[in-house]
Amino acid sequence: MEHTTFPPDLMQLQAEWHRTYEALAAPDPTRSTVLRRRLQWLSIRLWWHPYWTGPGRMPAARAELRDQVRTCQGRR
């Protein structure tokens, strides 16, 4: 797939999703209920972001978004 340019707010949402998921996946996470709710809220916001209304932007573009955010955060 071609390298796609995503809106900054979408990239930020995905980065927050990763941080929240990692905090929840930690051994003995504190505030697990709060983290689960935040993860659900972020997932909904990611799914319904206006960027995805264009044609041909699923599911490969969603995978590309995750990969780009991981790369920006130095996780690859």
N, C-alpha and C. Protein backbone atom coordinates (compact mmCIF):
# COMPACT_ATOMS: atom_id res chain seq x y z
N MET A 1 0.84 -1.18 0.00
CA MET A 1 0.00 0.00 0.00
C MET A 1 0.88 1.24 0.00
N GLU A 2 0.39 2.25 -0.69
CA GLU A 2 1.11 3.52 -0.73
C GLU A 2 1.17 4.14 0.66
N HIS A 3 2.19 4.96 0.85
CA HIS A 3 2.31 5.70 2.10
C HIS A 3 1.21 6.76 2.13
N THR A 4 0.35 6.71 3.13
CA THR A 4 -0.80 7.61 3.22
C THR A 4 -0.52 8.71 4.24
N THR A 5 -0.99 9.90 3.95
CA THR A 5 -0.90 11.00 4.90
C THR A 5 -2.21 11.08 5.67
N PHE A 6 -2.13 10.92 6.98
CA PHE A 6 -3.31 10.96 7.82
C PHE A 6 -3.40 12.31 8.52
N PRO A 7 -4.61 12.74 8.86
CA PRO A 7 -4.77 13.99 9.60
C PRO A 7 -4.11 13.90 10.97
N PRO A 8 -3.55 15.00 11.45
CA PRO A 8 -2.87 14.98 12.75
C PRO A 8 -3.76 14.53 13.91
N ASP A 9 -5.04 14.92 13.89
CA ASP A 9 -5.90 14.53 15.00
C ASP A 9 -6.16 13.02 15.00
N LEU A 10 -6.20 12.41 13.83
CA LEU A 10 -6.36 10.95 13.74
C LEU A 10 -5.11 10.24 14.24
N MET A 11 -3.95 10.77 13.88
CA MET A 11 -2.68 10.20 14.36
C MET A 11 -2.61 10.30 15.89
N GLN A 12 -3.04 11.43 16.44
CA GLN A 12 -3.02 11.64 17.88
C GLN A 12 -3.96 10.66 18.58
N LEU A 13 -5.16 10.46 18.03
CA LEU A 13 -6.10 9.50 18.61
C LEU A 13 -5.50 8.10 18.65
N GLN A 14 -4.86 7.70 17.54
CA GLN A 14 -4.26 6.37 17.49
C GLN A 14 -3.12 6.24 18.50
N ALA A 15 -2.32 7.29 18.65
CA ALA A 15 -1.22 7.27 19.61
C ALA A 15 -1.76 7.16 21.05
N GLU A 16 -2.83 7.89 21.33
CA GLU A 16 -3.45 7.80 22.66
C GLU A 16 -4.02 6.40 22.90
N TRP A 17 -4.59 5.80 21.85
CA TRP A 17 -5.12 4.44 21.96
C TRP A 17 -4.00 3.46 22.33
N HIS A 18 -2.84 3.59 21.66
CA HIS A 18 -1.70 2.71 21.97
C HIS A 18 -1.21 2.91 23.40
N ARG A 19 -1.10 4.15 23.84
CA ARG A 19 -0.64 4.41 25.21
C ARG A 19 -1.61 3.83 26.24
N THR A 20 -2.90 4.01 25.99
CA THR A 20 -3.91 3.48 26.91
C THR A 20 -3.88 1.96 26.93
N TYR A 21 -3.75 1.34 25.78
CA TYR A 21 -3.70 -0.12 25.69
C TYR A 21 -2.49 -0.66 26.44
N GLU A 22 -1.34 -0.01 26.27
CA GLU A 22 -0.13 -0.45 26.97
C GLU A 22 -0.29 -0.30 28.48
N ALA A 23 -0.91 0.77 28.93
CA ALA A 23 -1.13 0.96 30.37
C ALA A 23 -2.07 -0.12 30.90
N LEU A 24 -3.06 -0.49 30.13
CA LEU A 24 -4.00 -1.53 30.55
C LEU A 24 -3.34 -2.91 30.53
N ALA A 25 -2.42 -3.13 29.61
CA ALA A 25 -1.75 -4.42 29.47
C ALA A 25 -0.63 -4.62 30.49
N ALA A 26 -0.29 -3.58 31.22
CA ALA A 26 0.78 -3.68 32.22
C ALA A 26 0.39 -4.69 33.30
N PRO A 27 1.38 -5.37 33.86
CA PRO A 27 1.05 -6.30 34.93
C PRO A 27 0.52 -5.53 36.14
N ASP A 28 -0.65 -5.81 36.59
CA ASP A 28 -1.27 -5.10 37.71
C ASP A 28 -1.52 -3.62 37.40
N PRO A 29 -2.35 -3.36 36.37
CA PRO A 29 -2.63 -1.96 36.05
C PRO A 29 -3.49 -1.31 37.12
N THR A 30 -3.16 -0.10 37.44
CA THR A 30 -4.01 0.65 38.36
C THR A 30 -5.09 1.33 37.54
N ARG A 31 -6.22 1.56 38.13
CA ARG A 31 -7.34 2.21 37.46
C ARG A 31 -7.78 1.46 36.20
N SER A 32 -7.85 0.14 36.26
CA SER A 32 -8.17 -0.64 35.07
C SER A 32 -9.55 -0.31 34.50
N THR A 33 -10.51 0.00 35.34
CA THR A 33 -11.84 0.35 34.85
C THR A 33 -11.79 1.64 34.04
N VAL A 34 -11.07 2.61 34.54
CA VAL A 34 -10.92 3.88 33.83
C VAL A 34 -10.20 3.66 32.50
N LEU A 35 -9.18 2.84 32.51
CA LEU A 35 -8.43 2.58 31.28
C LEU A 35 -9.28 1.83 30.26
N ARG A 36 -10.07 0.86 30.70
CA ARG A 36 -10.94 0.13 29.77
C ARG A 36 -11.97 1.07 29.15
N ARG A 37 -12.54 1.95 29.94
CA ARG A 37 -13.51 2.90 29.41
C ARG A 37 -12.86 3.88 28.43
N ARG A 38 -11.67 4.33 28.77
CA ARG A 38 -10.95 5.24 27.87
C ARG A 38 -10.62 4.53 26.56
N LEU A 39 -10.19 3.28 26.64
CA LEU A 39 -9.88 2.52 25.43
C LEU A 39 -11.12 2.36 24.56
N GLN A 40 -12.24 2.10 25.17
CA GLN A 40 -13.49 1.97 24.42
C GLN A 40 -13.86 3.30 23.77
N TRP A 41 -13.76 4.39 24.51
CA TRP A 41 -14.08 5.72 23.98
C TRP A 41 -13.16 6.07 22.80
N LEU A 42 -11.85 5.79 22.96
CA LEU A 42 -10.91 6.08 21.87
C LEU A 42 -11.19 5.20 20.66
N SER A 43 -11.55 3.95 20.88
CA SER A 43 -11.87 3.05 19.76
C SER A 43 -13.07 3.57 18.97
N ILE A 44 -14.06 4.06 19.67
CA ILE A 44 -15.25 4.61 18.99
C ILE A 44 -14.88 5.86 18.20
N ARG A 45 -14.10 6.72 18.80
CA ARG A 45 -13.68 7.95 18.09
C ARG A 45 -12.85 7.62 16.87
N LEU A 46 -11.96 6.62 16.98
CA LEU A 46 -11.16 6.21 15.83
C LEU A 46 -12.04 5.64 14.72
N TRP A 47 -12.96 4.78 15.08
CA TRP A 47 -13.81 4.13 14.10
C TRP A 47 -14.67 5.13 13.32
N TRP A 48 -15.21 6.13 14.02
CA TRP A 48 -16.13 7.07 13.39
C TRP A 48 -15.48 8.39 12.98
N HIS A 49 -14.16 8.45 12.92
CA HIS A 49 -13.48 9.68 12.50
C HIS A 49 -13.88 10.02 11.06
N PRO A 50 -14.10 11.29 10.76
CA PRO A 50 -14.54 11.69 9.41
C PRO A 50 -13.59 11.27 8.28
N TYR A 51 -12.33 11.05 8.59
CA TYR A 51 -11.37 10.64 7.55
C TYR A 51 -11.82 9.36 6.84
N TRP A 52 -12.47 8.46 7.55
CA TRP A 52 -12.82 7.15 7.00
C TRP A 52 -14.02 7.19 6.07
N THR A 53 -14.65 8.33 5.85
CA THR A 53 -15.83 8.39 4.99
C THR A 53 -15.48 8.35 3.52
N GLY A 54 -14.22 8.58 3.17
CA GLY A 54 -13.81 8.54 1.76
C GLY A 54 -13.76 7.11 1.23
N PRO A 55 -13.88 6.94 -0.08
CA PRO A 55 -13.85 5.59 -0.66
C PRO A 55 -12.46 4.96 -0.58
N GLY A 56 -12.43 3.68 -0.37
CA GLY A 56 -11.17 2.94 -0.36
C GLY A 56 -10.29 3.17 0.84
N ARG A 57 -10.83 3.57 1.94
CA ARG A 57 -10.01 3.88 3.11
C ARG A 57 -10.13 2.83 4.20
N MET A 58 -10.52 1.61 3.87
CA MET A 58 -10.63 0.55 4.85
C MET A 58 -10.27 -0.75 4.20
N PRO A 59 -9.88 -1.78 4.84
CA PRO A 59 -9.25 -1.82 6.15
C PRO A 59 -7.74 -1.61 6.08
N ALA A 60 -7.19 -1.63 4.85
CA ALA A 60 -5.74 -1.47 4.72
C ALA A 60 -5.26 -0.13 5.25
N ALA A 61 -6.05 0.91 5.08
CA ALA A 61 -5.64 2.23 5.58
C ALA A 61 -5.61 2.25 7.10
N ARG A 62 -6.51 1.50 7.73
CA ARG A 62 -6.50 1.44 9.20
C ARG A 62 -5.22 0.76 9.69
N ALA A 63 -4.81 -0.29 9.00
CA ALA A 63 -3.57 -0.97 9.36
C ALA A 63 -2.37 -0.05 9.12
N GLU A 64 -2.41 0.70 8.03
CA GLU A 64 -1.35 1.65 7.73
C GLU A 64 -1.26 2.73 8.81
N LEU A 65 -2.40 3.20 9.31
CA LEU A 65 -2.41 4.18 10.40
C LEU A 65 -1.72 3.62 11.62
N ARG A 66 -2.07 2.40 12.01
CA ARG A 66 -1.43 1.79 13.19
C ARG A 66 0.08 1.67 12.99
N ASP A 67 0.50 1.24 11.79
CA ASP A 67 1.93 1.09 11.51
C ASP A 67 2.66 2.42 11.57
N GLN A 68 2.05 3.45 10.99
CA GLN A 68 2.71 4.76 11.00
C GLN A 68 2.85 5.31 12.42
N VAL A 69 1.83 5.13 13.24
CA VAL A 69 1.89 5.63 14.62
C VAL A 69 2.95 4.86 15.39
N ARG A 70 3.01 3.56 15.22
CA ARG A 70 4.05 2.76 15.90
C ARG A 70 5.44 3.21 15.48
N THR A 71 5.61 3.46 14.18
CA THR A 71 6.90 3.91 13.68
C THR A 71 7.27 5.28 14.27
N CYS A 72 6.31 6.19 14.32
CA CYS A 72 6.56 7.52 14.89
C CYS A 72 6.93 7.45 16.37
N GLN A 73 6.35 6.47 17.05
CA GLN A 73 6.63 6.31 18.49
C GLN A 73 7.86 5.46 18.74
N GLY A 74 8.51 5.00 17.68
CA GLY A 74 9.73 4.22 17.83
C GLY A 74 9.52 2.80 18.31
N ARG A 75 8.43 2.18 17.92
CA ARG A 75 8.12 0.84 18.40
C ARG A 75 8.38 -0.23 17.36
N ARG A 76 8.98 0.10 16.26
CA ARG A 76 9.26 -0.90 15.23
C ARG A 76 10.72 -1.06 15.04
